[in-house]
All heavy atoms as atom14 arrays in JSON, in Angstrom:
{
  "sequence": "INPVNLFKKEKDEGINLRVMHGINKISFWMFILCLAYLIYRW",
  "atom14_mask": [
    [1, 1, 1, 1, 1, 1, 1, 1, 0, 0, 0, 0, 0, 0],
    [1, 1, 1, 1, 1, 1, 1, 1, 0, 0, 0, 0, 0, 0],
    [1, 1, 1, 1, 1, 1, 1, 0, 0, 0, 0, 0, 0, 0],
    [1, 1, 1, 1, 1, 1, 1, 0, 0, 0, 0, 0, 0, 0],
    [1, 1, 1, 1, 1, 1, 1, 1, 0, 0, 0, 0, 0, 0],
    [1, 1, 1, 1, 1, 1, 1, 1, 0, 0, 0, 0, 0, 0],
    [1, 1, 1, 1, 1, 1, 1, 1, 1, 1, 1, 0, 0, 0],
    [1, 1, 1, 1, 1, 1, 1, 1, 1, 0, 0, 0, 0, 0],
    [1, 1, 1, 1, 1, 1, 1, 1, 1, 0, 0, 0, 0, 0],
    [1, 1, 1, 1, 1, 1, 1, 1, 1, 0, 0, 0, 0, 0],
    [1, 1, 1, 1, 1, 1, 1, 1, 1, 0, 0, 0, 0, 0],
    [1, 1, 1, 1, 1, 1, 1, 1, 0, 0, 0, 0, 0, 0],
    [1, 1, 1, 1, 1, 1, 1, 1, 1, 0, 0, 0, 0, 0],
    [1, 1, 1, 1, 0, 0, 0, 0, 0, 0, 0, 0, 0, 0],
    [1, 1, 1, 1, 1, 1, 1, 1, 0, 0, 0, 0, 0, 0],
    [1, 1, 1, 1, 1, 1, 1, 1, 0, 0, 0, 0, 0, 0],
    [1, 1, 1, 1, 1, 1, 1, 1, 0, 0, 0, 0, 0, 0],
    [1, 1, 1, 1, 1, 1, 1, 1, 1, 1, 1, 0, 0, 0],
    [1, 1, 1, 1, 1, 1, 1, 0, 0, 0, 0, 0, 0, 0],
    [1, 1, 1, 1, 1, 1, 1, 1, 0, 0, 0, 0, 0, 0],
    [1, 1, 1, 1, 1, 1, 1, 1, 1, 1, 0, 0, 0, 0],
    [1, 1, 1, 1, 0, 0, 0, 0, 0, 0, 0, 0, 0, 0],
    [1, 1, 1, 1, 1, 1, 1, 1, 0, 0, 0, 0, 0, 0],
    [1, 1, 1, 1, 1, 1, 1, 1, 0, 0, 0, 0, 0, 0],
    [1, 1, 1, 1, 1, 1, 1, 1, 1, 0, 0, 0, 0, 0],
    [1, 1, 1, 1, 1, 1, 1, 1, 0, 0, 0, 0, 0, 0],
    [1, 1, 1, 1, 1, 1, 0, 0, 0, 0, 0, 0, 0, 0],
    [1, 1, 1, 1, 1, 1, 1, 1, 1, 1, 1, 0, 0, 0],
    [1, 1, 1, 1, 1, 1, 1, 1, 1, 1, 1, 1, 1, 1],
    [1, 1, 1, 1, 1, 1, 1, 1, 0, 0, 0, 0, 0, 0],
    [1, 1, 1, 1, 1, 1, 1, 1, 1, 1, 1, 0, 0, 0],
    [1, 1, 1, 1, 1, 1, 1, 1, 0, 0, 0, 0, 0, 0],
    [1, 1, 1, 1, 1, 1, 1, 1, 0, 0, 0, 0, 0, 0],
    [1, 1, 1, 1, 1, 1, 0, 0, 0, 0, 0, 0, 0, 0],
    [1, 1, 1, 1, 1, 1, 1, 1, 0, 0, 0, 0, 0, 0],
    [1, 1, 1, 1, 1, 0, 0, 0, 0, 0, 0, 0, 0, 0],
    [1, 1, 1, 1, 1, 1, 1, 1, 1, 1, 1, 1, 0, 0],
    [1, 1, 1, 1, 1, 1, 1, 1, 0, 0, 0, 0, 0, 0],
    [1, 1, 1, 1, 1, 1, 1, 1, 0, 0, 0, 0, 0, 0],
    [1, 1, 1, 1, 1, 1, 1, 1, 1, 1, 1, 1, 0, 0],
    [1, 1, 1, 1, 1, 1, 1, 1, 1, 1, 1, 0, 0, 0],
    [1, 1, 1, 1, 1, 1, 1, 1, 1, 1, 1, 1, 1, 1]
  ],
  "atom14_positions": [
    [[0.8, -1.23, -0.01], [0.03, 0.01, 0.05], [0.86, 1.26, 0.02], [0.49, 2.29, -0.62], [-0.93, -0.01, 1.2], [-2.05, -1.08, 1.04], [-1.6, 1.33, 1.45], [-3.0, -1.29, 2.18], [0.0, 0.0, 0.0], [0.0, 0.0, 0.0], [0.0, 0.0, 0.0], [0.0, 0.0, 0.0], [0.0, 0.0, 0.0], [0.0, 0.0, 0.0]],
    [[2.04, 1.22, 0.58], [2.93, 2.32, 0.67], [3.39, 2.78, -0.72], [4.03, 2.01, -1.39], [4.08, 2.06, 1.55], [4.94, 3.24, 1.85], [4.71, 4.35, 1.37], [5.99, 3.05, 2.71], [0.0, 0.0, 0.0], [0.0, 0.0, 0.0], [0.0, 0.0, 0.0], [0.0, 0.0, 0.0], [0.0, 0.0, 0.0], [0.0, 0.0, 0.0]],
    [[3.02, 3.98, -1.21], [3.32, 4.4, -2.53], [4.87, 4.62, -2.8], [5.39, 4.58, -3.85], [2.54, 5.67, -2.82], [2.11, 6.1, -1.47], [2.13, 4.98, -0.5], [0.0, 0.0, 0.0], [0.0, 0.0, 0.0], [0.0, 0.0, 0.0], [0.0, 0.0, 0.0], [0.0, 0.0, 0.0], [0.0, 0.0, 0.0], [0.0, 0.0, 0.0]],
    [[5.58, 4.82, -1.65], [7.04, 5.02, -1.7], [7.74, 3.7, -2.24], [8.64, 3.76, -2.96], [7.61, 5.43, -0.41], [9.14, 5.49, -0.41], [7.05, 6.75, 0.06], [0.0, 0.0, 0.0], [0.0, 0.0, 0.0], [0.0, 0.0, 0.0], [0.0, 0.0, 0.0], [0.0, 0.0, 0.0], [0.0, 0.0, 0.0], [0.0, 0.0, 0.0]],
    [[7.15, 2.55, -1.86], [7.78, 1.28, -2.27], [7.39, 0.85, -3.63], [7.74, -0.19, -4.08], [7.35, 0.27, -1.24], [7.85, 0.51, 0.13], [8.93, 1.1, 0.26], [7.17, 0.15, 1.19], [0.0, 0.0, 0.0], [0.0, 0.0, 0.0], [0.0, 0.0, 0.0], [0.0, 0.0, 0.0], [0.0, 0.0, 0.0], [0.0, 0.0, 0.0]],
    [[6.53, 1.63, -4.34], [6.04, 1.1, -5.66], [7.17, 0.99, -6.69], [7.26, -0.06, -7.36], [5.06, 2.15, -6.21], [4.29, 1.79, -7.47], [3.51, 0.47, -7.22], [3.29, 2.88, -7.88], [0.0, 0.0, 0.0], [0.0, 0.0, 0.0], [0.0, 0.0, 0.0], [0.0, 0.0, 0.0], [0.0, 0.0, 0.0], [0.0, 0.0, 0.0]],
    [[8.13, 1.93, -6.73], [9.18, 1.77, -7.68], [10.57, 1.69, -6.98], [11.58, 1.91, -7.58], [9.22, 3.0, -8.65], [7.98, 3.16, -9.44], [7.03, 4.03, -9.1], [7.8, 2.25, -10.47], [5.89, 4.23, -9.88], [6.6, 2.36, -11.2], [5.68, 3.34, -10.91], [0.0, 0.0, 0.0], [0.0, 0.0, 0.0], [0.0, 0.0, 0.0]],
    [[10.49, 1.22, -5.72], [11.83, 1.12, -4.98], [12.48, -0.18, -5.48], [11.96, -1.28, -5.62], [11.45, 0.95, -3.53], [12.68, 0.82, -2.6], [12.14, 0.75, -1.18], [13.35, 0.51, -0.22], [12.9, 0.38, 1.18], [0.0, 0.0, 0.0], [0.0, 0.0, 0.0], [0.0, 0.0, 0.0], [0.0, 0.0, 0.0], [0.0, 0.0, 0.0]],
    [[13.83, 0.02, -5.66], [14.67, -1.12, -6.08], [15.01, -1.99, -4.86], [15.57, -1.47, -3.92], [15.9, -0.65, -6.81], [16.77, -1.7, -7.32], [17.94, -1.18, -8.07], [18.85, -2.28, -8.58], [20.0, -1.81, -9.29], [0.0, 0.0, 0.0], [0.0, 0.0, 0.0], [0.0, 0.0, 0.0], [0.0, 0.0, 0.0], [0.0, 0.0, 0.0]],
    [[14.68, -3.24, -4.96], [15.0, -4.18, -3.8], [16.4, -4.82, -4.07], [16.64, -5.14, -5.17], [13.89, -5.12, -3.6], [12.56, -4.45, -3.26], [11.45, -5.43, -3.0], [11.76, -6.63, -2.78], [10.32, -5.04, -3.08], [0.0, 0.0, 0.0], [0.0, 0.0, 0.0], [0.0, 0.0, 0.0], [0.0, 0.0, 0.0], [0.0, 0.0, 0.0]],
    [[17.09, -5.03, -3.02], [18.42, -5.55, -3.19], [18.39, -7.18, -3.48], [17.4, -7.81, -3.08], [19.28, -5.34, -2.01], [18.64, -5.87, -0.67], [19.59, -5.5, 0.49], [18.91, -5.88, 1.75], [19.56, -5.56, 2.95], [0.0, 0.0, 0.0], [0.0, 0.0, 0.0], [0.0, 0.0, 0.0], [0.0, 0.0, 0.0], [0.0, 0.0, 0.0]],
    [[19.32, -7.62, -4.15], [19.54, -9.04, -4.5], [18.42, -9.65, -5.23], [17.98, -10.75, -4.98], [19.78, -9.86, -3.16], [21.01, -9.48, -2.45], [21.96, -8.87, -3.11], [21.08, -9.59, -1.15], [0.0, 0.0, 0.0], [0.0, 0.0, 0.0], [0.0, 0.0, 0.0], [0.0, 0.0, 0.0], [0.0, 0.0, 0.0], [0.0, 0.0, 0.0]],
    [[17.87, -8.91, -6.2], [16.78, -9.45, -7.01], [17.19, -9.29, -8.47], [17.77, -8.33, -8.89], [15.51, -8.69, -6.8], [14.81, -8.98, -5.42], [13.47, -8.34, -5.38], [13.07, -7.62, -6.3], [12.67, -8.64, -4.41], [0.0, 0.0, 0.0], [0.0, 0.0, 0.0], [0.0, 0.0, 0.0], [0.0, 0.0, 0.0], [0.0, 0.0, 0.0]],
    [[16.88, -10.3, -9.28], [17.06, -10.2, -10.71], [16.01, -9.32, -11.38], [15.0, -8.95, -10.71], [0.0, 0.0, 0.0], [0.0, 0.0, 0.0], [0.0, 0.0, 0.0], [0.0, 0.0, 0.0], [0.0, 0.0, 0.0], [0.0, 0.0, 0.0], [0.0, 0.0, 0.0], [0.0, 0.0, 0.0], [0.0, 0.0, 0.0], [0.0, 0.0, 0.0]],
    [[16.15, -9.01, -12.67], [15.27, -8.12, -13.34], [13.83, -8.69, -13.47], [12.78, -8.15, -13.3], [15.83, -7.75, -14.71], [14.9, -6.75, -15.36], [15.9, -8.91, -15.56], [14.96, -5.39, -14.71], [0.0, 0.0, 0.0], [0.0, 0.0, 0.0], [0.0, 0.0, 0.0], [0.0, 0.0, 0.0], [0.0, 0.0, 0.0], [0.0, 0.0, 0.0]],
    [[13.79, -10.13, -13.66], [12.47, -10.76, -13.76], [11.68, -10.75, -12.48], [10.45, -10.49, -12.45], [12.67, -12.24, -14.17], [13.22, -12.37, -15.56], [13.0, -11.46, -16.43], [13.89, -13.45, -15.88], [0.0, 0.0, 0.0], [0.0, 0.0, 0.0], [0.0, 0.0, 0.0], [0.0, 0.0, 0.0], [0.0, 0.0, 0.0], [0.0, 0.0, 0.0]],
    [[12.35, -10.9, -11.39], [11.69, -10.87, -10.05], [11.17, -9.47, -9.79], [10.12, -9.29, -9.25], [12.58, -11.48, -9.0], [11.92, -11.67, -7.65], [10.79, -12.66, -7.78], [12.96, -12.22, -6.67], [0.0, 0.0, 0.0], [0.0, 0.0, 0.0], [0.0, 0.0, 0.0], [0.0, 0.0, 0.0], [0.0, 0.0, 0.0], [0.0, 0.0, 0.0]],
    [[12.05, -8.41, -10.1], [11.64, -7.02, -9.82], [10.44, -6.69, -10.73], [9.53, -5.97, -10.21], [12.83, -6.1, -10.18], [13.83, -6.07, -9.08], [14.73, -4.87, -9.29], [15.02, -4.55, -10.69], [16.12, -4.1, -11.18], [17.0, -3.82, -10.34], [16.28, -3.86, -12.44], [0.0, 0.0, 0.0], [0.0, 0.0, 0.0], [0.0, 0.0, 0.0]],
    [[10.36, -7.13, -11.92], [9.22, -6.83, -12.8], [8.01, -7.53, -12.26], [6.97, -6.9, -12.27], [9.54, -7.22, -14.26], [8.32, -7.18, -15.13], [10.6, -6.37, -14.85], [0.0, 0.0, 0.0], [0.0, 0.0, 0.0], [0.0, 0.0, 0.0], [0.0, 0.0, 0.0], [0.0, 0.0, 0.0], [0.0, 0.0, 0.0], [0.0, 0.0, 0.0]],
    [[8.13, -8.75, -11.84], [7.02, -9.41, -11.24], [6.51, -8.75, -10.05], [5.21, -8.56, -9.95], [7.4, -10.91, -10.93], [6.2, -11.67, -10.37], [6.7, -13.26, -9.77], [7.52, -12.84, -8.26], [0.0, 0.0, 0.0], [0.0, 0.0, 0.0], [0.0, 0.0, 0.0], [0.0, 0.0, 0.0], [0.0, 0.0, 0.0], [0.0, 0.0, 0.0]],
    [[7.29, -8.27, -9.18], [6.88, -7.56, -7.92], [6.27, -6.27, -8.34], [5.29, -5.81, -7.76], [8.06, -7.4, -6.94], [8.39, -8.61, -6.23], [7.49, -9.15, -5.3], [9.51, -9.35, -6.15], [8.06, -10.23, -4.8], [9.27, -10.35, -5.35], [0.0, 0.0, 0.0], [0.0, 0.0, 0.0], [0.0, 0.0, 0.0], [0.0, 0.0, 0.0]],
    [[6.81, -5.6, -9.31], [6.25, -4.32, -9.75], [4.83, -4.49, -10.29], [3.98, -3.72, -9.99], [0.0, 0.0, 0.0], [0.0, 0.0, 0.0], [0.0, 0.0, 0.0], [0.0, 0.0, 0.0], [0.0, 0.0, 0.0], [0.0, 0.0, 0.0], [0.0, 0.0, 0.0], [0.0, 0.0, 0.0], [0.0, 0.0, 0.0], [0.0, 0.0, 0.0]],
    [[4.66, -5.48, -11.13], [3.32, -5.8, -11.71], [2.32, -6.13, -10.56], [1.09, -5.76, -10.61], [3.37, -6.87, -12.73], [4.12, -6.36, -13.96], [2.04, -7.4, -13.15], [4.45, -7.34, -15.01], [0.0, 0.0, 0.0], [0.0, 0.0, 0.0], [0.0, 0.0, 0.0], [0.0, 0.0, 0.0], [0.0, 0.0, 0.0], [0.0, 0.0, 0.0]],
    [[2.82, -6.9, -9.55], [1.92, -7.28, -8.44], [1.5, -6.01, -7.7], [0.34, -5.88, -7.27], [2.65, -8.27, -7.56], [2.7, -9.58, -8.03], [1.87, -9.97, -8.95], [3.56, -10.39, -7.53], [0.0, 0.0, 0.0], [0.0, 0.0, 0.0], [0.0, 0.0, 0.0], [0.0, 0.0, 0.0], [0.0, 0.0, 0.0], [0.0, 0.0, 0.0]],
    [[2.45, -5.09, -7.42], [2.09, -3.85, -6.76], [1.1, -3.02, -7.48], [0.14, -2.48, -6.91], [3.37, -3.1, -6.46], [4.26, -3.79, -5.44], [5.55, -2.99, -5.32], [6.57, -3.8, -4.45], [7.81, -3.04, -4.28], [0.0, 0.0, 0.0], [0.0, 0.0, 0.0], [0.0, 0.0, 0.0], [0.0, 0.0, 0.0], [0.0, 0.0, 0.0]],
    [[1.3, -2.87, -8.76], [0.37, -2.17, -9.62], [-1.01, -2.77, -9.65], [-2.06, -2.05, -9.51], [0.93, -1.97, -11.05], [2.15, -1.07, -11.0], [-0.11, -1.36, -11.99], [2.91, -1.04, -12.29], [0.0, 0.0, 0.0], [0.0, 0.0, 0.0], [0.0, 0.0, 0.0], [0.0, 0.0, 0.0], [0.0, 0.0, 0.0], [0.0, 0.0, 0.0]],
    [[-1.07, -4.09, -9.79], [-2.37, -4.76, -9.82], [-3.09, -4.65, -8.45], [-4.3, -4.51, -8.35], [-2.25, -6.21, -10.24], [-1.5, -6.91, -9.25], [0.0, 0.0, 0.0], [0.0, 0.0, 0.0], [0.0, 0.0, 0.0], [0.0, 0.0, 0.0], [0.0, 0.0, 0.0], [0.0, 0.0, 0.0], [0.0, 0.0, 0.0], [0.0, 0.0, 0.0]],
    [[-2.28, -4.71, -7.38], [-2.94, -4.51, -6.03], [-3.53, -3.12, -5.91], [-4.64, -2.98, -5.41], [-1.79, -4.71, -4.96], [-2.31, -4.64, -3.6], [-3.0, -5.78, -3.08], [-2.16, -3.6, -2.75], [-3.45, -5.73, -1.75], [-2.67, -3.55, -1.47], [-3.27, -4.63, -0.97], [0.0, 0.0, 0.0], [0.0, 0.0, 0.0], [0.0, 0.0, 0.0]],
    [[-2.8, -2.07, -6.35], [-3.32, -0.7, -6.32], [-4.6, -0.58, -7.2], [-5.61, 0.05, -6.83], [-2.31, 0.29, -6.72], [-1.47, 0.75, -5.56], [-0.25, 0.44, -5.26], [-1.95, 1.68, -4.62], [0.18, 1.04, -4.08], [-0.91, 1.78, -3.68], [-3.16, 2.37, -4.35], [-0.97, 2.64, -2.57], [-3.23, 3.2, -3.19], [-2.12, 3.36, -2.37]],
    [[-4.59, -1.22, -8.37], [-5.79, -1.12, -9.22], [-7.0, -1.8, -8.54], [-8.13, -1.37, -8.63], [-5.48, -1.85, -10.53], [-4.63, -1.0, -11.48], [-4.21, -1.79, -13.04], [-5.82, -1.84, -13.76], [0.0, 0.0, 0.0], [0.0, 0.0, 0.0], [0.0, 0.0, 0.0], [0.0, 0.0, 0.0], [0.0, 0.0, 0.0], [0.0, 0.0, 0.0]],
    [[-6.77, -2.93, -7.88], [-7.79, -3.61, -7.19], [-8.38, -2.78, -6.08], [-9.62, -2.67, -5.89], [-7.24, -4.95, -6.58], [-8.24, -5.64, -5.63], [-9.33, -6.32, -6.21], [-8.12, -5.61, -4.34], [-10.26, -6.94, -5.42], [-9.03, -6.23, -3.47], [-10.09, -6.92, -4.05], [0.0, 0.0, 0.0], [0.0, 0.0, 0.0], [0.0, 0.0, 0.0]],
    [[-7.55, -2.14, -5.28], [-7.97, -1.25, -4.14], [-8.8, -0.11, -4.75], [-9.9, 0.2, -4.2], [-6.75, -0.79, -3.4], [-6.1, -1.87, -2.63], [-7.2, 0.34, -2.36], [-6.93, -2.61, -1.6], [0.0, 0.0, 0.0], [0.0, 0.0, 0.0], [0.0, 0.0, 0.0], [0.0, 0.0, 0.0], [0.0, 0.0, 0.0], [0.0, 0.0, 0.0]],
    [[-8.3, 0.59, -5.82], [-9.04, 1.66, -6.35], [-10.38, 1.26, -6.96], [-11.41, 1.97, -6.82], [-8.18, 2.31, -7.51], [-6.91, 3.04, -7.01], [-6.11, 3.53, -8.15], [-7.37, 4.23, -6.12], [0.0, 0.0, 0.0], [0.0, 0.0, 0.0], [0.0, 0.0, 0.0], [0.0, 0.0, 0.0], [0.0, 0.0, 0.0], [0.0, 0.0, 0.0]],
    [[-10.43, 0.14, -7.67], [-11.68, -0.36, -8.23], [-12.69, -0.79, -7.11], [-13.88, -0.5, -7.2], [-11.5, -1.54, -9.14], [-10.58, -1.12, -10.64], [0.0, 0.0, 0.0], [0.0, 0.0, 0.0], [0.0, 0.0, 0.0], [0.0, 0.0, 0.0], [0.0, 0.0, 0.0], [0.0, 0.0, 0.0], [0.0, 0.0, 0.0], [0.0, 0.0, 0.0]],
    [[-12.14, -1.28, -6.08], [-13.0, -1.67, -4.93], [-13.58, -0.41, -4.26], [-14.76, -0.38, -3.91], [-12.2, -2.5, -3.86], [-12.91, -3.14, -2.74], [-13.92, -4.14, -3.33], [-11.98, -3.75, -1.83], [0.0, 0.0, 0.0], [0.0, 0.0, 0.0], [0.0, 0.0, 0.0], [0.0, 0.0, 0.0], [0.0, 0.0, 0.0], [0.0, 0.0, 0.0]],
    [[-12.79, 0.58, -4.12], [-13.22, 1.88, -3.61], [-14.25, 2.48, -4.45], [-15.32, 3.08, -4.07], [-12.06, 2.85, -3.4], [0.0, 0.0, 0.0], [0.0, 0.0, 0.0], [0.0, 0.0, 0.0], [0.0, 0.0, 0.0], [0.0, 0.0, 0.0], [0.0, 0.0, 0.0], [0.0, 0.0, 0.0], [0.0, 0.0, 0.0], [0.0, 0.0, 0.0]],
    [[-14.09, 2.38, -5.82], [-15.1, 2.96, -6.74], [-16.44, 2.14, -6.64], [-17.47, 2.81, -6.66], [-14.53, 2.9, -8.18], [-15.51, 3.32, -9.28], [-15.82, 4.7, -9.36], [-16.06, 2.38, -10.08], [-16.69, 5.09, -10.34], [-17.04, 2.8, -11.03], [-17.25, 4.11, -11.14], [-18.23, 4.53, -12.14], [0.0, 0.0, 0.0], [0.0, 0.0, 0.0]],
    [[-16.31, 0.86, -6.55], [-17.56, 0.05, -6.42], [-18.3, 0.41, -5.16], [-19.52, 0.47, -5.15], [-17.27, -1.43, -6.55], [-16.84, -1.89, -7.89], [-16.43, -3.29, -7.84], [-17.95, -1.77, -8.91], [0.0, 0.0, 0.0], [0.0, 0.0, 0.0], [0.0, 0.0, 0.0], [0.0, 0.0, 0.0], [0.0, 0.0, 0.0], [0.0, 0.0, 0.0]],
    [[-17.56, 0.56, -4.07], [-18.25, 0.89, -2.8], [-18.85, 2.3, -2.92], [-19.97, 2.52, -2.46], [-17.18, 0.87, -1.62], [-16.83, -0.68, -1.37], [-17.72, 1.48, -0.33], [-15.68, -0.81, -0.4], [0.0, 0.0, 0.0], [0.0, 0.0, 0.0], [0.0, 0.0, 0.0], [0.0, 0.0, 0.0], [0.0, 0.0, 0.0], [0.0, 0.0, 0.0]],
    [[-18.17, 3.25, -3.52], [-18.76, 4.62, -3.73], [-19.97, 4.51, -4.56], [-20.99, 5.15, -4.22], [-17.61, 5.47, -4.4], [-18.2, 6.74, -4.89], [-18.41, 7.83, -3.93], [-18.42, 7.06, -6.18], [-18.9, 9.07, -4.33], [-18.97, 8.27, -6.62], [-19.17, 9.28, -5.7], [-19.73, 10.44, -6.05], [0.0, 0.0, 0.0], [0.0, 0.0, 0.0]],
    [[-20.0, 3.75, -5.64], [-21.22, 3.63, -6.46], [-22.35, 2.97, -5.68], [-23.58, 3.27, -5.86], [-21.0, 2.86, -7.69], [-20.05, 3.75, -8.66], [-20.23, 3.36, -10.02], [-21.63, 3.07, -10.49], [-22.0, 2.46, -11.55], [-20.98, 2.23, -12.47], [-23.18, 2.25, -11.89], [0.0, 0.0, 0.0], [0.0, 0.0, 0.0], [0.0, 0.0, 0.0]],
    [[-21.99, 1.94, -4.79], [-22.99, 1.32, -4.04], [-23.65, 2.19, -3.02], [-24.87, 2.13, -2.75], [-22.4, 0.03, -3.42], [-23.3, -0.76, -2.6], [-24.38, -1.46, -3.13], [-23.27, -0.99, -1.25], [-25.02, -2.11, -2.03], [-24.32, -1.91, -0.86], [-22.41, -0.57, -0.25], [-24.58, -2.28, 0.41], [-22.65, -1.04, 1.05], [-23.72, -1.85, 1.41]]
  ]
}
């Protein structure tokens, strides 16, 4: 949830693992925003 960690480079990770974690963080934020929108509409 912490936006500071969204693009933070983590140590001892390969590029594939960093990309996977980045995509997971973005998808988590999209889920939270869509959930908030659905609750607002409800």
